C-alpha atoms as a PDB file:
ATOM      1  CA  UNK A   1      79.132-142.033 113.049  1.00  0.00           C
ATOM      2  CA  UNK A   2      75.467-141.828 112.157  1.00  0.00           C
ATOM      3  CA  UNK A   3      73.231-142.553 115.414  1.00  0.00           C
ATOM      4  CA  UNK A   4      76.381-142.105 117.569  1.00  0.00           C
ATOM      5  CA  UNK A   5      77.442-138.611 119.139  1.00  0.00           C
ATOM      6  CA  UNK A   6      81.168-137.813 118.353  1.00  0.00           C
ATOM      7  CA  UNK A   7      83.171-135.541 120.618  1.00  0.00           C
ATOM      8  CA  UNK A   8      84.397-132.416 119.922  1.00  0.00           C
ATOM      9  CA  UNK A   9      87.217-131.772 117.380  1.00  0.00           C
ATOM     10  CA  UNK A  10      87.010-135.215 116.228  1.00  0.00           C
ATOM     11  CA  UNK A  11      87.430-135.544 112.190  1.00  0.00           C
ATOM     12  CA  UNK A  12      85.683-137.448 109.149  1.00  0.00           C
ATOM     13  CA  UNK A  13      86.453-138.152 105.895  1.00  0.00           C
ATOM     14  CA  UNK A  14      83.111-137.815 103.588  1.00  0.00           C
ATOM     15  CA  UNK A  15      82.713-140.118 100.835  1.00  0.00           C
ATOM     16  CA  UNK A  16      83.960-136.982  98.687  1.00  0.00           C
ATOM     17  CA  UNK A  17      87.445-136.761 100.470  1.00  0.00           C
ATOM     18  CA  UNK A  18      86.732-133.621 102.386  1.00  0.00           C
ATOM     19  CA  UNK A  19      87.703-133.654 105.793  1.00  0.00           C
ATOM     20  CA  UNK A  20      85.324-132.356 108.863  1.00  0.00           C
ATOM     21  CA  UNK A  21      86.137-131.479 112.433  1.00  0.00           C
ATOM     22  CA  UNK A  22      83.445-131.286 114.810  1.00  0.00           C
ATOM     23  CA  UNK A  23      83.415-127.881 116.801  1.00  0.00           C
ATOM     24  CA  UNK A  24      82.339-126.937 120.167  1.00  0.00           C
ATOM     25  CA  UNK A  25      78.648-125.972 118.687  1.00  0.00           C
ATOM     26  CA  UNK A  26      77.860-129.111 117.076  1.00  0.00           C
ATOM     27  CA  UNK A  27      78.048-128.368 114.005  1.00  0.00           C
ATOM     28  CA  UNK A  28      80.162-130.140 111.586  1.00  0.00           C
ATOM     29  CA  UNK A  29      82.638-127.714 109.364  1.00  0.00           C
ATOM     30  CA  UNK A  30      85.261-128.537 106.629  1.00  0.00           C
ATOM     31  CA  UNK A  31      88.888-128.759 107.847  1.00  0.00           C
ATOM     32  CA  UNK A  32      90.213-126.992 105.251  1.00  0.00           C
ATOM     33  CA  UNK A  33      87.983-123.708 105.517  1.00  0.00           C
ATOM     34  CA  UNK A  34      88.811-124.045 109.189  1.00  0.00           C
ATOM     35  CA  UNK A  35      92.723-123.924 108.163  1.00  0.00           C
ATOM     36  CA  UNK A  36      92.120-121.071 105.987  1.00  0.00           C
ATOM     37  CA  UNK A  37      90.701-118.571 109.141  1.00  0.00           C
ATOM     38  CA  UNK A  38      93.366-119.481 111.312  1.00  0.00           C
ATOM     39  CA  UNK A  39      95.712-118.598 108.693  1.00  0.00           C
ATOM     40  CA  UNK A  40      94.172-115.276 108.231  1.00  0.00           C
ATOM     41  CA  UNK A  41      93.375-114.977 111.601  1.00  0.00           C
ATOM     42  CA  UNK A  42      89.796-114.579 111.062  1.00  0.00           C
ATOM     43  CA  UNK A  43      86.255-116.014 109.932  1.00  0.00           C
ATOM     44  CA  UNK A  44      85.398-116.607 106.083  1.00  0.00           C
ATOM     45  CA  UNK A  45      83.091-113.649 104.686  1.00  0.00           C
ATOM     46  CA  UNK A  46      80.212-115.473 102.639  1.00  0.00           C
ATOM     47  CA  UNK A  47      81.783-114.689  99.206  1.00  0.00           C
ATOM     48  CA  UNK A  48      84.572-116.590  99.933  1.00  0.00           C
ATOM     49  CA  UNK A  49      85.542-120.012 100.200  1.00  0.00           C
ATOM     50  CA  UNK A  50      88.482-121.968 100.702  1.00  0.00           C
ATOM     51  CA  UNK A  51      90.530-124.259  97.721  1.00  0.00           C
ATOM     52  CA  UNK A  52      93.339-126.642  97.731  1.00  0.00           C
ATOM     53  CA  UNK A  53      95.906-125.106  95.627  1.00  0.00           C
ATOM     54  CA  UNK A  54      97.539-128.609  94.478  1.00  0.00           C
ATOM     55  CA  UNK A  55      93.728-129.843  94.212  1.00  0.00           C
ATOM     56  CA  UNK A  56      94.948-132.549  96.957  1.00  0.00           C
ATOM     57  CA  UNK A  57      92.318-132.701  99.668  1.00  0.00           C
ATOM     58  CA  UNK A  58      94.383-134.336 101.910  1.00  0.00           C
ATOM     59  CA  UNK A  59      97.306-132.023 101.920  1.00  0.00           C
ATOM     60  CA  UNK A  60      95.879-129.395 104.555  1.00  0.00           C
ATOM     61  CA  UNK A  61      99.544-127.418 104.916  1.00  0.00           C
ATOM     62  CA  UNK A  62      98.575-124.144 105.388  1.00  0.00           C
ATOM     63  CA  UNK A  63      99.828-122.895 102.076  1.00  0.00           C
ATOM     64  CA  UNK A  64      98.262-124.856 100.224  1.00  0.00           C
ATOM     65  CA  UNK A  65      95.352-123.796 101.418  1.00  0.00           C
ATOM     66  CA  UNK A  66      93.867-120.862  99.133  1.00  0.00           C
ATOM     67  CA  UNK A  67      90.718-118.441  99.144  1.00  0.00           C
ATOM     68  CA  UNK A  68      88.838-117.764  96.547  1.00  0.00           C
ATOM     69  CA  UNK A  69      85.987-115.280  95.876  1.00  0.00           C
ATOM     70  CA  UNK A  70      82.889-116.894  94.797  1.00  0.00           C
ATOM     71  CA  UNK A  71      82.045-114.884  91.878  1.00  0.00           C
ATOM     72  CA  UNK A  72      85.469-115.695  90.219  1.00  0.00           C
ATOM     73  CA  UNK A  73      85.079-118.742  90.443  1.00  0.00           C
ATOM     74  CA  UNK A  74      81.914-118.652  88.406  1.00  0.00           C
ATOM     75  CA  UNK A  75      83.519-116.793  85.956  1.00  0.00           C
ATOM     76  CA  UNK A  76      86.235-119.739  85.334  1.00  0.00           C
ATOM     77  CA  UNK A  77      83.598-122.229  85.465  1.00  0.00           C
ATOM     78  CA  UNK A  78      81.590-120.185  82.830  1.00  0.00           C
ATOM     79  CA  UNK A  79      85.005-120.147  81.129  1.00  0.00           C
ATOM     80  CA  UNK A  80      85.216-123.834  81.059  1.00  0.00           C
ATOM     81  CA  UNK A  81      82.034-124.651  79.657  1.00  0.00           C
ATOM     82  CA  UNK A  82      82.215-122.397  76.658  1.00  0.00           C
ATOM     83  CA  UNK A  83      85.795-123.564  76.473  1.00  0.00           C
ATOM     84  CA  UNK A  84      84.481-127.675  76.361  1.00  0.00           C
ATOM     85  CA  UNK A  85      81.612-126.642  73.957  1.00  0.00           C
ATOM     86  CA  UNK A  86      83.988-124.634  71.582  1.00  0.00           C
ATOM     87  CA  UNK A  87      85.907-128.164  71.581  1.00  0.00           C
ATOM     88  CA  UNK A  88      83.144-130.299  71.581  1.00  0.00           C
ATOM     89  CA  UNK A  89      82.068-128.760  67.970  1.00  0.00           C
ATOM     90  CA  UNK A  90      85.108-128.507  66.641  1.00  0.00           C
ATOM     91  CA  UNK A  91      85.195-132.061  66.749  1.00  0.00           C
ATOM     92  CA  UNK A  92      82.020-132.525  64.624  1.00  0.00           C
ATOM     93  CA  UNK A  93      82.978-129.778  62.230  1.00  0.00           C
ATOM     94  CA  UNK A  94      85.900-131.934  61.544  1.00  0.00           C
ATOM     95  CA  UNK A  95      83.867-134.634  61.670  1.00  0.00           C
ATOM     96  CA  UNK A  96      81.419-133.272  59.420  1.00  0.00           C
ATOM     97  CA  UNK A  97      84.688-131.638  56.764  1.00  0.00           C
ATOM     98  CA  UNK A  98      85.720-135.974  56.529  1.00  0.00           C
ATOM     99  CA  UNK A  99      82.499-136.985  55.836  1.00  0.00           C
ATOM    100  CA  UNK A 100      82.581-133.855  52.751  1.00  0.00           C
ATOM    101  CA  UNK A 101      85.665-134.972  51.786  1.00  0.00           C
ATOM    102  CA  UNK A 102      84.580-138.734  51.549  1.00  0.00           C
ATOM    103  CA  UNK A 103      81.679-137.904  49.659  1.00  0.00           C
ATOM    104  CA  UNK A 104      83.032-135.820  47.053  1.00  0.00           C
ATOM    105  CA  UNK A 105      86.235-138.512  46.213  1.00  0.00           C
ATOM    106  CA  UNK A 106      83.208-141.193  45.858  1.00  0.00           C
ATOM    107  CA  UNK A 107      81.456-138.719  43.788  1.00  0.00           C
ATOM    108  CA  UNK A 108      78.456-138.858  45.609  1.00  0.00           C
ATOM    109  CA  UNK A 109      75.641-136.170  45.487  1.00  0.00           C
ATOM    110  CA  UNK A 110      73.932-136.679  48.467  1.00  0.00           C
ATOM    111  CA  UNK A 111      75.645-133.377  50.422  1.00  0.00           C
END
């Protein structure tokens, strides 16, 4: 809680659902990151991050925590953005085709 010192190993859940643990250093660390480091037996590298295999932030089982490279995520994100844009453009195309067909059926010359 803000304004009150928390004991070491105290855990809290942030509004976005991630669980944090207070370390001896006074720093709050993501618990799933700590689980990943314990499983690996080493700290995560700067280009690595921990995430949830099943997407469930409450599932802190070691086999649900996976480590990924940061650069690969940006490629996945970019691909998802491109695919979303393609879907959006296909919807616009289909709408235009339907409107064009409706105009042709009505004999309109305003194309």
